[in-house]
PDB file of N, CA and C in Angstrom:
ATOM      1  N   UNK A   1      10.852 -11.345  -5.200  1.00  0.00           N
ATOM      2  CA  UNK A   1      11.241 -10.015  -5.655  1.00  0.00           C
ATOM      3  C   UNK A   1      11.416  -9.115  -4.440  1.00  0.00           C
ATOM      4  N   UNK A   2      12.462  -8.325  -4.451  1.00  0.00           N
ATOM      5  CA  UNK A   2      12.658  -7.396  -3.347  1.00  0.00           C
ATOM      6  C   UNK A   2      12.030  -6.039  -3.673  1.00  0.00           C
ATOM      7  N   UNK A   3      11.925  -5.212  -2.645  1.00  0.00           N
ATOM      8  CA  UNK A   3      11.277  -3.910  -2.814  1.00  0.00           C
ATOM      9  C   UNK A   3      11.989  -3.035  -3.839  1.00  0.00           C
ATOM     10  N   UNK A   4      13.297  -3.040  -3.814  1.00  0.00           N
ATOM     11  CA  UNK A   4      14.044  -2.171  -4.734  1.00  0.00           C
ATOM     12  C   UNK A   4      13.759  -2.553  -6.185  1.00  0.00           C
ATOM     13  N   UNK A   5      13.794  -3.849  -6.461  1.00  0.00           N
ATOM     14  CA  UNK A   5      13.517  -4.320  -7.821  1.00  0.00           C
ATOM     15  C   UNK A   5      12.085  -3.989  -8.218  1.00  0.00           C
ATOM     16  N   UNK A   6      11.143  -4.185  -7.296  1.00  0.00           N
ATOM     17  CA  UNK A   6       9.751  -3.865  -7.612  1.00  0.00           C
ATOM     18  C   UNK A   6       9.602  -2.374  -7.924  1.00  0.00           C
ATOM     19  N   UNK A   7      10.198  -1.537  -7.096  1.00  0.00           N
ATOM     20  CA  UNK A   7      10.059  -0.097  -7.291  1.00  0.00           C
ATOM     21  C   UNK A   7      10.646   0.313  -8.645  1.00  0.00           C
ATOM     22  N   UNK A   8      11.779  -0.227  -8.993  1.00  0.00           N
ATOM     23  CA  UNK A   8      12.403   0.115 -10.276  1.00  0.00           C
ATOM     24  C   UNK A   8      11.577  -0.402 -11.448  1.00  0.00           C
ATOM     25  N   UNK A   9      11.149  -1.643 -11.374  1.00  0.00           N
ATOM     26  CA  UNK A   9      10.398  -2.223 -12.497  1.00  0.00           C
ATOM     27  C   UNK A   9       9.016  -1.603 -12.632  1.00  0.00           C
ATOM     28  N   UNK A  10       8.374  -1.298 -11.510  1.00  0.00           N
ATOM     29  CA  UNK A  10       7.040  -0.692 -11.595  1.00  0.00           C
ATOM     30  C   UNK A  10       7.115   0.705 -12.200  1.00  0.00           C
ATOM     31  N   UNK A  11       8.224   1.374 -11.977  1.00  0.00           N
ATOM     32  CA  UNK A  11       8.377   2.733 -12.506  1.00  0.00           C
ATOM     33  C   UNK A  11       8.364   2.733 -14.032  1.00  0.00           C
ATOM     34  N   UNK A  12       8.808   1.647 -14.618  1.00  0.00           N
ATOM     35  CA  UNK A  12       8.825   1.546 -16.080  1.00  0.00           C
ATOM     36  C   UNK A  12       7.423   1.604 -16.676  1.00  0.00           C
ATOM     37  N   UNK A  13       6.401   1.358 -15.877  1.00  0.00           N
ATOM     38  CA  UNK A  13       5.021   1.371 -16.369  1.00  0.00           C
ATOM     39  C   UNK A  13       4.268   2.635 -15.965  1.00  0.00           C
ATOM     40  N   UNK A  14       4.952   3.575 -15.345  1.00  0.00           N
ATOM     41  CA  UNK A  14       4.291   4.809 -14.896  1.00  0.00           C
ATOM     42  C   UNK A  14       3.941   5.683 -16.097  1.00  0.00           C
ATOM     43  N   UNK A  15       2.662   5.918 -16.273  1.00  0.00           N
ATOM     44  CA  UNK A  15       2.165   6.770 -17.353  1.00  0.00           C
ATOM     45  C   UNK A  15       1.110   7.709 -16.775  1.00  0.00           C
ATOM     46  N   UNK A  16       1.554   8.859 -16.331  1.00  0.00           N
ATOM     47  CA  UNK A  16       0.635   9.871 -15.828  1.00  0.00           C
ATOM     48  C   UNK A  16       1.267  11.239 -16.005  1.00  0.00           C
ATOM     49  N   UNK A  17       0.496  12.298 -15.887  1.00  0.00           N
ATOM     50  CA  UNK A  17       1.033  13.639 -16.138  1.00  0.00           C
ATOM     51  C   UNK A  17       2.230  13.955 -15.241  1.00  0.00           C
ATOM     52  N   UNK A  18       3.282  14.457 -15.842  1.00  0.00           N
ATOM     53  CA  UNK A  18       4.467  14.938 -15.144  1.00  0.00           C
ATOM     54  C   UNK A  18       5.113  13.882 -14.253  1.00  0.00           C
ATOM     55  N   UNK A  19       5.270  12.669 -14.788  1.00  0.00           N
ATOM     56  CA  UNK A  19       5.973  11.627 -14.044  1.00  0.00           C
ATOM     57  C   UNK A  19       7.319  12.182 -13.605  1.00  0.00           C
ATOM     58  N   UNK A  20       7.635  12.028 -12.348  1.00  0.00           N
ATOM     59  CA  UNK A  20       8.892  12.543 -11.810  1.00  0.00           C
ATOM     60  C   UNK A  20       8.739  13.847 -11.070  1.00  0.00           C
ATOM     61  N   UNK A  21       7.579  14.472 -11.186  1.00  0.00           N
ATOM     62  CA  UNK A  21       7.337  15.753 -10.511  1.00  0.00           C
ATOM     63  C   UNK A  21       5.874  15.877 -10.105  1.00  0.00           C
ATOM     64  N   UNK A  22       5.228  14.757  -9.808  1.00  0.00           N
ATOM     65  CA  UNK A  22       3.791  14.795  -9.554  1.00  0.00           C
ATOM     66  C   UNK A  22       3.384  13.774  -8.483  1.00  0.00           C
ATOM     67  N   UNK A  23       3.561  14.101  -7.210  1.00  0.00           N
ATOM     68  CA  UNK A  23       3.130  13.175  -6.169  1.00  0.00           C
ATOM     69  C   UNK A  23       1.611  13.129  -5.989  1.00  0.00           C
ATOM     70  N   UNK A  24       0.906  14.092  -6.532  1.00  0.00           N
ATOM     71  CA  UNK A  24      -0.547  14.136  -6.346  1.00  0.00           C
ATOM     72  C   UNK A  24      -1.236  12.994  -7.089  1.00  0.00           C
ATOM     73  N   UNK A  25      -0.830  12.737  -8.313  1.00  0.00           N
ATOM     74  CA  UNK A  25      -1.486  11.675  -9.090  1.00  0.00           C
ATOM     75  C   UNK A  25      -1.395  10.318  -8.402  1.00  0.00           C
ATOM     76  N   UNK A  26      -0.213   9.857  -8.003  1.00  0.00           N
ATOM     77  CA  UNK A  26      -0.187   8.558  -7.330  1.00  0.00           C
ATOM     78  C   UNK A  26      -0.877   8.568  -5.963  1.00  0.00           C
ATOM     79  N   UNK A  27      -0.913   9.711  -5.307  1.00  0.00           N
ATOM     80  CA  UNK A  27      -1.649   9.785  -4.038  1.00  0.00           C
ATOM     81  C   UNK A  27      -3.130   9.537  -4.269  1.00  0.00           C
ATOM     82  N   UNK A  28      -3.681  10.177  -5.279  1.00  0.00           N
ATOM     83  CA  UNK A  28      -5.101   9.989  -5.584  1.00  0.00           C
ATOM     84  C   UNK A  28      -5.374   8.574  -6.064  1.00  0.00           C
ATOM     85  N   UNK A  29      -4.467   8.023  -6.858  1.00  0.00           N
ATOM     86  CA  UNK A  29      -4.617   6.637  -7.303  1.00  0.00           C
ATOM     87  C   UNK A  29      -4.581   5.672  -6.140  1.00  0.00           C
ATOM     88  N   UNK A  30      -3.694   5.917  -5.188  1.00  0.00           N
ATOM     89  CA  UNK A  30      -3.603   5.080  -3.992  1.00  0.00           C
ATOM     90  C   UNK A  30      -4.914   5.097  -3.212  1.00  0.00           C
ATOM     91  N   UNK A  31      -5.478   6.264  -3.056  1.00  0.00           N
ATOM     92  CA  UNK A  31      -6.771   6.379  -2.355  1.00  0.00           C
ATOM     93  C   UNK A  31      -7.854   5.592  -3.084  1.00  0.00           C
ATOM     94  N   UNK A  32      -7.902   5.727  -4.402  1.00  0.00           N
ATOM     95  CA  UNK A  32      -8.902   5.013  -5.186  1.00  0.00           C
ATOM     96  C   UNK A  32      -8.752   3.508  -5.082  1.00  0.00           C
ATOM     97  N   UNK A  33      -7.527   3.007  -5.194  1.00  0.00           N
ATOM     98  CA  UNK A  33      -7.300   1.564  -5.120  1.00  0.00           C
ATOM     99  C   UNK A  33      -7.565   1.031  -3.717  1.00  0.00           C
ATOM    100  N   UNK A  34      -7.191   1.792  -2.689  1.00  0.00           N
ATOM    101  CA  UNK A  34      -7.489   1.368  -1.317  1.00  0.00           C
ATOM    102  C   UNK A  34      -8.998   1.293  -1.110  1.00  0.00           C
ATOM    103  N   UNK A  35      -9.718   2.214  -1.722  1.00  0.00           N
ATOM    104  CA  UNK A  35     -11.176   2.178  -1.657  1.00  0.00           C
ATOM    105  C   UNK A  35     -11.738   0.935  -2.333  1.00  0.00           C
ATOM    106  N   UNK A  36     -11.130   0.522  -3.441  1.00  0.00           N
ATOM    107  CA  UNK A  36     -11.585  -0.696  -4.114  1.00  0.00           C
ATOM    108  C   UNK A  36     -11.342  -1.924  -3.241  1.00  0.00           C
ATOM    109  N   UNK A  37     -10.213  -1.962  -2.542  1.00  0.00           N
ATOM    110  CA  UNK A  37      -9.946  -3.061  -1.608  1.00  0.00           C
ATOM    111  C   UNK A  37     -11.018  -3.064  -0.510  1.00  0.00           C
ATOM    112  N   UNK A  38     -11.264  -1.907   0.065  1.00  0.00           N
ATOM    113  CA  UNK A  38     -12.255  -1.804   1.138  1.00  0.00           C
ATOM    114  C   UNK A  38     -13.635  -2.226   0.652  1.00  0.00           C
ATOM    115  N   UNK A  39     -13.989  -1.856  -0.563  1.00  0.00           N
ATOM    116  CA  UNK A  39     -15.300  -2.208  -1.100  1.00  0.00           C
ATOM    117  C   UNK A  39     -15.439  -3.719  -1.279  1.00  0.00           C
ATOM    118  N   UNK A  40     -14.393  -4.367  -1.746  1.00  0.00           N
ATOM    119  CA  UNK A  40     -14.445  -5.824  -1.907  1.00  0.00           C
ATOM    120  C   UNK A  40     -14.576  -6.516  -0.552  1.00  0.00           C
ATOM    121  N   UNK A  41     -13.852  -6.031   0.442  1.00  0.00           N
ATOM    122  CA  UNK A  41     -13.950  -6.613   1.782  1.00  0.00           C
ATOM    123  C   UNK A  41     -15.340  -6.375   2.360  1.00  0.00           C
ATOM    124  N   UNK A  42     -15.874  -5.182   2.154  1.00  0.00           N
ATOM    125  CA  UNK A  42     -17.230  -4.868   2.622  1.00  0.00           C
ATOM    126  C   UNK A  42     -18.235  -5.844   2.041  1.00  0.00           C
ATOM    127  N   UNK A  43     -18.102  -6.130   0.756  1.00  0.00           N
ATOM    128  CA  UNK A  43     -19.050  -7.039   0.107  1.00  0.00           C
ATOM    129  C   UNK A  43     -18.911  -8.467   0.616  1.00  0.00           C
ATOM    130  N   UNK A  44     -17.715  -8.855   1.022  1.00  0.00           N
ATOM    131  CA  UNK A  44     -17.542 -10.172   1.655  1.00  0.00           C
ATOM    132  C   UNK A  44     -18.325 -10.218   2.960  1.00  0.00           C
ATOM    133  N   UNK A  45     -18.271  -9.141   3.718  1.00  0.00           N
ATOM    134  CA  UNK A  45     -19.034  -9.092   4.969  1.00  0.00           C
ATOM    135  C   UNK A  45     -20.535  -9.130   4.696  1.00  0.00           C
ATOM    136  N   UNK A  46     -20.964  -8.385   3.683  1.00  0.00           N
ATOM    137  CA  UNK A  46     -22.382  -8.285   3.359  1.00  0.00           C
ATOM    138  C   UNK A  46     -22.928  -9.546   2.693  1.00  0.00           C
ATOM    139  N   UNK A  47     -22.180 -10.083   1.741  1.00  0.00           N
ATOM    140  CA  UNK A  47     -22.720 -11.139   0.886  1.00  0.00           C
ATOM    141  C   UNK A  47     -22.246 -12.545   1.225  1.00  0.00           C
ATOM    142  N   UNK A  48     -21.163 -12.670   1.965  1.00  0.00           N
ATOM    143  CA  UNK A  48     -20.581 -14.001   2.185  1.00  0.00           C
ATOM    144  C   UNK A  48     -20.299 -14.282   3.658  1.00  0.00           C
ATOM    145  N   UNK A  49     -20.985 -13.554   4.533  1.00  0.00           N
ATOM    146  CA  UNK A  49     -20.814 -13.761   5.980  1.00  0.00           C
ATOM    147  C   UNK A  49     -19.349 -13.711   6.411  1.00  0.00           C
ATOM    148  N   UNK A  50     -18.562 -12.881   5.740  1.00  0.00           N
ATOM    149  CA  UNK A  50     -17.170 -12.703   6.121  1.00  0.00           C
ATOM    150  C   UNK A  50     -16.229 -13.799   5.662  1.00  0.00           C
ATOM    151  N   UNK A  51     -16.701 -14.671   4.785  1.00  0.00           N
ATOM    152  CA  UNK A  51     -15.847 -15.759   4.295  1.00  0.00           C
ATOM    153  C   UNK A  51     -15.207 -15.357   2.966  1.00  0.00           C
ATOM    154  N   UNK A  52     -13.902 -15.420   2.934  1.00  0.00           N
ATOM    155  CA  UNK A  52     -13.131 -15.045   1.753  1.00  0.00           C
ATOM    156  C   UNK A  52     -12.848 -16.296   0.928  1.00  0.00           C
ATOM    157  N   UNK A  53     -13.575 -16.461  -0.167  1.00  0.00           N
ATOM    158  CA  UNK A  53     -13.325 -17.625  -1.021  1.00  0.00           C
ATOM    159  C   UNK A  53     -12.137 -17.334  -1.942  1.00  0.00           C
ATOM    160  N   UNK A  54     -11.738 -18.355  -2.712  1.00  0.00           N
ATOM    161  CA  UNK A  54     -10.558 -18.213  -3.566  1.00  0.00           C
ATOM    162  C   UNK A  54     -10.716 -17.103  -4.603  1.00  0.00           C
ATOM    163  N   UNK A  55     -11.908 -16.947  -5.150  1.00  0.00           N
ATOM    164  CA  UNK A  55     -12.127 -15.913  -6.170  1.00  0.00           C
ATOM    165  C   UNK A  55     -11.957 -14.519  -5.571  1.00  0.00           C
ATOM    166  N   UNK A  56     -12.501 -14.309  -4.390  1.00  0.00           N
ATOM    167  CA  UNK A  56     -12.373 -12.999  -3.740  1.00  0.00           C
ATOM    168  C   UNK A  56     -10.921 -12.749  -3.345  1.00  0.00           C
ATOM    169  N   UNK A  57     -10.275 -13.770  -2.835  1.00  0.00           N
ATOM    170  CA  UNK A  57      -8.870 -13.622  -2.466  1.00  0.00           C
ATOM    171  C   UNK A  57      -8.028 -13.272  -3.697  1.00  0.00           C
ATOM    172  N   UNK A  58      -8.327 -13.869  -4.830  1.00  0.00           N
ATOM    173  CA  UNK A  58      -7.593 -13.545  -6.050  1.00  0.00           C
ATOM    174  C   UNK A  58      -7.882 -12.114  -6.501  1.00  0.00           C
ATOM    175  N   UNK A  59      -9.148 -11.706  -6.417  1.00  0.00           N
ATOM    176  CA  UNK A  59      -9.489 -10.313  -6.742  1.00  0.00           C
ATOM    177  C   UNK A  59      -8.735  -9.344  -5.831  1.00  0.00           C
ATOM    178  N   UNK A  60      -8.673  -9.674  -4.550  1.00  0.00           N
ATOM    179  CA  UNK A  60      -7.973  -8.811  -3.594  1.00  0.00           C
ATOM    180  C   UNK A  60      -6.471  -8.803  -3.859  1.00  0.00           C
ATOM    181  N   UNK A  61      -5.923  -9.921  -4.278  1.00  0.00           N
ATOM    182  CA  UNK A  61      -4.504  -9.970  -4.640  1.00  0.00           C
ATOM    183  C   UNK A  61      -4.227  -8.962  -5.755  1.00  0.00           C
ATOM    184  N   UNK A  62      -5.093  -8.915  -6.743  1.00  0.00           N
ATOM    185  CA  UNK A  62      -4.915  -7.968  -7.849  1.00  0.00           C
ATOM    186  C   UNK A  62      -5.061  -6.526  -7.381  1.00  0.00           C
ATOM    187  N   UNK A  63      -6.077  -6.263  -6.568  1.00  0.00           N
ATOM    188  CA  UNK A  63      -6.282  -4.897  -6.061  1.00  0.00           C
ATOM    189  C   UNK A  63      -5.128  -4.464  -5.168  1.00  0.00           C
ATOM    190  N   UNK A  64      -4.643  -5.376  -4.323  1.00  0.00           N
ATOM    191  CA  UNK A  64      -3.515  -5.033  -3.459  1.00  0.00           C
ATOM    192  C   UNK A  64      -2.262  -4.772  -4.291  1.00  0.00           C
ATOM    193  N   UNK A  65      -2.136  -5.452  -5.413  1.00  0.00           N
ATOM    194  CA  UNK A  65      -1.043  -5.155  -6.327  1.00  0.00           C
ATOM    195  C   UNK A  65      -1.137  -3.736  -6.866  1.00  0.00           C
ATOM    196  N   UNK A  66      -2.356  -3.291  -7.160  1.00  0.00           N
ATOM    197  CA  UNK A  66      -2.545  -1.908  -7.612  1.00  0.00           C
ATOM    198  C   UNK A  66      -2.191  -0.923  -6.503  1.00  0.00           C
ATOM    199  N   UNK A  67      -2.575  -1.247  -5.263  1.00  0.00           N
ATOM    200  CA  UNK A  67      -2.206  -0.406  -4.119  1.00  0.00           C
ATOM    201  C   UNK A  67      -0.687  -0.307  -4.034  1.00  0.00           C
ATOM    202  N   UNK A  68      -0.022  -1.452  -4.139  1.00  0.00           N
ATOM    203  CA  UNK A  68       1.438  -1.475  -4.052  1.00  0.00           C
ATOM    204  C   UNK A  68       2.066  -0.639  -5.169  1.00  0.00           C
ATOM    205  N   UNK A  69       1.515  -0.718  -6.370  1.00  0.00           N
ATOM    206  CA  UNK A  69       2.044   0.057  -7.490  1.00  0.00           C
ATOM    207  C   UNK A  69       1.986   1.550  -7.173  1.00  0.00           C
ATOM    208  N   UNK A  70       0.842   2.012  -6.674  1.00  0.00           N
ATOM    209  CA  UNK A  70       0.714   3.437  -6.360  1.00  0.00           C
ATOM    210  C   UNK A  70       1.606   3.835  -5.186  1.00  0.00           C
ATOM    211  N   UNK A  71       1.765   2.971  -4.196  1.00  0.00           N
ATOM    212  CA  UNK A  71       2.696   3.261  -3.099  1.00  0.00           C
ATOM    213  C   UNK A  71       4.109   3.435  -3.669  1.00  0.00           C
ATOM    214  N   UNK A  72       4.489   2.531  -4.561  1.00  0.00           N
ATOM    215  CA  UNK A  72       5.823   2.610  -5.159  1.00  0.00           C
ATOM    216  C   UNK A  72       5.997   3.902  -5.952  1.00  0.00           C
ATOM    217  N   UNK A  73       4.988   4.303  -6.700  1.00  0.00           N
ATOM    218  CA  UNK A  73       5.094   5.538  -7.492  1.00  0.00           C
ATOM    219  C   UNK A  73       5.170   6.755  -6.589  1.00  0.00           C
ATOM    220  N   UNK A  74       4.359   6.780  -5.540  1.00  0.00           N
ATOM    221  CA  UNK A  74       4.399   7.913  -4.613  1.00  0.00           C
ATOM    222  C   UNK A  74       5.761   7.986  -3.927  1.00  0.00           C
ATOM    223  N   UNK A  75       6.267   6.849  -3.485  1.00  0.00           N
ATOM    224  CA  UNK A  75       7.589   6.832  -2.861  1.00  0.00           C
ATOM    225  C   UNK A  75       8.643   7.365  -3.830  1.00  0.00           C
ATOM    226  N   UNK A  76       8.588   6.924  -5.064  1.00  0.00           N
ATOM    227  CA  UNK A  76       9.561   7.374  -6.056  1.00  0.00           C
ATOM    228  C   UNK A  76       9.437   8.874  -6.295  1.00  0.00           C
ATOM    229  N   UNK A  77       8.217   9.361  -6.404  1.00  0.00           N
ATOM    230  CA  UNK A  77       8.009  10.809  -6.594  1.00  0.00           C
ATOM    231  C   UNK A  77       8.621  11.615  -5.446  1.00  0.00           C
ATOM    232  N   UNK A  78       8.636  11.029  -4.254  1.00  0.00           N
ATOM    233  CA  UNK A  78       9.152  11.724  -3.072  1.00  0.00           C
ATOM    234  C   UNK A  78      10.608  11.377  -2.774  1.00  0.00           C
ATOM    235  N   UNK A  79      11.264  10.687  -3.717  1.00  0.00           N
ATOM    236  CA  UNK A  79      12.660  10.255  -3.545  1.00  0.00           C
ATOM    237  C   UNK A  79      12.844   9.401  -2.298  1.00  0.00           C
ATOM    238  N   UNK A  80      11.897   8.507  -2.068  1.00  0.00           N
ATOM    239  CA  UNK A  80      11.965   7.553  -0.968  1.00  0.00           C
ATOM    240  C   UNK A  80      12.102   6.154  -1.539  1.00  0.00           C
ATOM    241  N   UNK A  81      12.740   5.284  -0.797  1.00  0.00           N
ATOM    242  CA  UNK A  81      12.913   3.897  -1.206  1.00  0.00           C
ATOM    243  C   UNK A  81      11.965   3.012  -0.410  1.00  0.00           C
ATOM    244  N   UNK A  82      11.263   2.113  -1.105  1.00  0.00           N
ATOM    245  CA  UNK A  82      10.372   1.180  -0.413  1.00  0.00           C
ATOM    246  C   UNK A  82      11.126   0.376   0.639  1.00  0.00           C
ATOM    247  N   UNK A  83      12.362   0.005   0.351  1.00  0.00           N
ATOM    248  CA  UNK A  83      13.186  -0.736   1.324  1.00  0.00           C
ATOM    249  C   UNK A  83      13.296   0.055   2.630  1.00  0.00           C
ATOM    250  N   UNK A  84      13.583   1.344   2.527  1.00  0.00           N
ATOM    251  CA  UNK A  84      13.729   2.190   3.710  1.00  0.00           C
ATOM    252  C   UNK A  84      12.396   2.367   4.433  1.00  0.00           C
ATOM    253  N   UNK A  85      11.329   2.536   3.657  1.00  0.00           N
ATOM    254  CA  UNK A  85       9.992   2.695   4.243  1.00  0.00           C
ATOM    255  C   UNK A  85       9.620   1.449   5.036  1.00  0.00           C
ATOM    256  N   UNK A  86       9.845   0.277   4.443  1.00  0.00           N
ATOM    257  CA  UNK A  86       9.512  -0.980   5.116  1.00  0.00           C
ATOM    258  C   UNK A  86      10.350  -1.169   6.382  1.00  0.00           C
ATOM    259  N   UNK A  87      11.647  -0.895   6.298  1.00  0.00           N
ATOM    260  CA  UNK A  87      12.519  -1.052   7.461  1.00  0.00           C
ATOM    261  C   UNK A  87      12.122  -0.096   8.575  1.00  0.00           C
ATOM    262  N   UNK A  88      11.838   1.147   8.223  1.00  0.00           N
ATOM    263  CA  UNK A  88      11.434   2.133   9.233  1.00  0.00           C
ATOM    264  C   UNK A  88      10.118   1.733   9.889  1.00  0.00           C
ATOM    265  N   UNK A  89       9.212   1.171   9.111  1.00  0.00           N
ATOM    266  CA  UNK A  89       7.932   0.742   9.669  1.00  0.00           C
ATOM    267  C   UNK A  89       8.133  -0.388  10.678  1.00  0.00           C
ATOM    268  N   UNK A  90       8.970  -1.360  10.337  1.00  0.00           N
ATOM    269  CA  UNK A  90       9.230  -2.462  11.272  1.00  0.00           C
ATOM    270  C   UNK A  90       9.924  -1.974  12.536  1.00  0.00           C
ATOM    271  N   UNK A  91      10.848  -1.035  12.396  1.00  0.00           N
ATOM    272  CA  UNK A  91      11.513  -0.453  13.564  1.00  0.00           C
ATOM    273  C   UNK A  91      10.504   0.268  14.452  1.00  0.00           C
ATOM    274  N   UNK A  92       9.619   1.030  13.845  1.00  0.00           N
ATOM    275  CA  UNK A  92       8.600   1.764  14.592  1.00  0.00           C
ATOM    276  C   UNK A  92       7.710   0.804  15.359  1.00  0.00           C
ATOM    277  N   UNK A  93       7.264  -0.259  14.690  1.00  0.00           N
ATOM    278  CA  UNK A  93       6.374  -1.215  15.339  1.00  0.00           C
ATOM    279  C   UNK A  93       7.083  -1.984  16.449  1.00  0.00           C
ATOM    280  N   UNK A  94       8.347  -2.337  16.239  1.00  0.00           N
ATOM    281  CA  UNK A  94       9.107  -3.027  17.288  1.00  0.00           C
ATOM    282  C   UNK A  94       9.278  -2.127  18.504  1.00  0.00           C
ATOM    283  N   UNK A  95       9.533  -0.855  18.267  1.00  0.00           N
ATOM    284  CA  UNK A  95       9.668   0.095  19.368  1.00  0.00           C
ATOM    285  C   UNK A  95       8.361   0.222  20.142  1.00  0.00           C
ATOM    286  N   UNK A  96       7.259   0.312  19.426  1.00  0.00           N
ATOM    287  CA  UNK A  96       5.963   0.403  20.091  1.00  0.00           C
ATOM    288  C   UNK A  96       5.672  -0.856  20.905  1.00  0.00           C
ATOM    289  N   UNK A  97       5.980  -2.008  20.325  1.00  0.00           N
ATOM    290  CA  UNK A  97       5.746  -3.266  21.038  1.00  0.00           C
ATOM    291  C   UNK A  97       6.593  -3.319  22.304  1.00  0.00           C
ATOM    292  N   UNK A  98       7.856  -2.913  22.206  1.00  0.00           N
ATOM    293  CA  UNK A  98       8.756  -2.933  23.362  1.00  0.00           C
ATOM    294  C   UNK A  98       8.283  -1.982  24.457  1.00  0.00           C
ATOM    295  N   UNK A  99       7.653  -0.892  24.063  1.00  0.00           N
ATOM    296  CA  UNK A  99       7.152   0.085  25.032  1.00  0.00           C
ATOM    297  C   UNK A  99       5.694  -0.145  25.397  1.00  0.00           C
ATOM    298  N   UNK A 100       5.126  -1.228  24.865  1.00  0.00           N
ATOM    299  CA  UNK A 100       3.733  -1.598  25.134  1.00  0.00           C
ATOM    300  C   UNK A 100       2.745  -0.502  24.716  1.00  0.00           C
ATOM    301  N   UNK A 101       3.021   0.117  23.566  1.00  0.00           N
ATOM    302  CA  UNK A 101       2.112   1.131  23.032  1.00  0.00           C
ATOM    303  C   UNK A 101       1.732   0.789  21.585  1.00  0.00           C
ATOM    304  N   UNK A 102       1.695  -0.506  21.277  1.00  0.00           N
ATOM    305  CA  UNK A 102       1.366  -0.918  19.912  1.00  0.00           C
ATOM    306  C   UNK A 102      -0.071  -0.525  19.570  1.00  0.00           C
ATOM    307  N   UNK A 103      -0.954  -0.522  20.538  1.00  0.00           N
ATOM    308  CA  UNK A 103      -2.317  -0.039  20.338  1.00  0.00           C
ATOM    309  C   UNK A 103      -2.363   1.452  20.603  1.00  0.00           C
ATOM    310  N   UNK A 104      -3.485   2.041  20.340  1.00  0.00           N
ATOM    311  CA  UNK A 104      -3.631   3.478  20.583  1.00  0.00           C
ATOM    312  C   UNK A 104      -3.586   4.252  19.292  1.00  0.00           C
ATOM    313  N   UNK A 105      -3.321   5.535  19.399  1.00  0.00           N
ATOM    314  CA  UNK A 105      -3.294   6.364  18.206  1.00  0.00           C
ATOM    315  C   UNK A 105      -2.133   7.341  18.281  1.00  0.00           C
ATOM    316  N   UNK A 106      -1.831   7.899  17.135  1.00  0.00           N
ATOM    317  CA  UNK A 106      -0.732   8.857  17.044  1.00  0.00           C
ATOM    318  C   UNK A 106       0.470   8.220  16.389  1.00  0.00           C
ATOM    319  N   UNK A 107       0.956   8.818  15.327  1.00  0.00           N
ATOM    320  CA  UNK A 107       2.080   8.254  14.581  1.00  0.00           C
ATOM    321  C   UNK A 107       3.369   8.200  15.393  1.00  0.00           C
ATOM    322  N   UNK A 108       3.578   9.124  16.278  1.00  0.00           N
ATOM    323  CA  UNK A 108       4.866   9.217  16.975  1.00  0.00           C
ATOM    324  C   UNK A 108       4.779   8.779  18.434  1.00  0.00           C
ATOM    325  N   UNK A 109       3.881   7.872  18.745  1.00  0.00           N
ATOM    326  CA  UNK A 109       3.779   7.395  20.131  1.00  0.00           C
ATOM    327  C   UNK A 109       4.867   6.416  20.476  1.00  0.00           C
TER     328      UNK A 109
END
């Protein structure tokens, strides 16, 4: 599945206040789902010595799907295309790598 198809199909399941004019809801959902991913990874470190078994990997696959859904909704609310976001990200990273500034901080380095 490509990003455009995912973004369009995921939008069909969007059910939240003021769909189409509410970037706040998917932003908060994204934060919550990212927190759930982080919590599962934390527990792997705490309870499984950092080993990701198949069950945890499957749980993370589901949580990452929720993260992706909220990213898609936020992008749509902002009239952005996931395809463009992904391409711009790869261009940014390639530029940083070419300039040997892939590490460090700052979005526009």
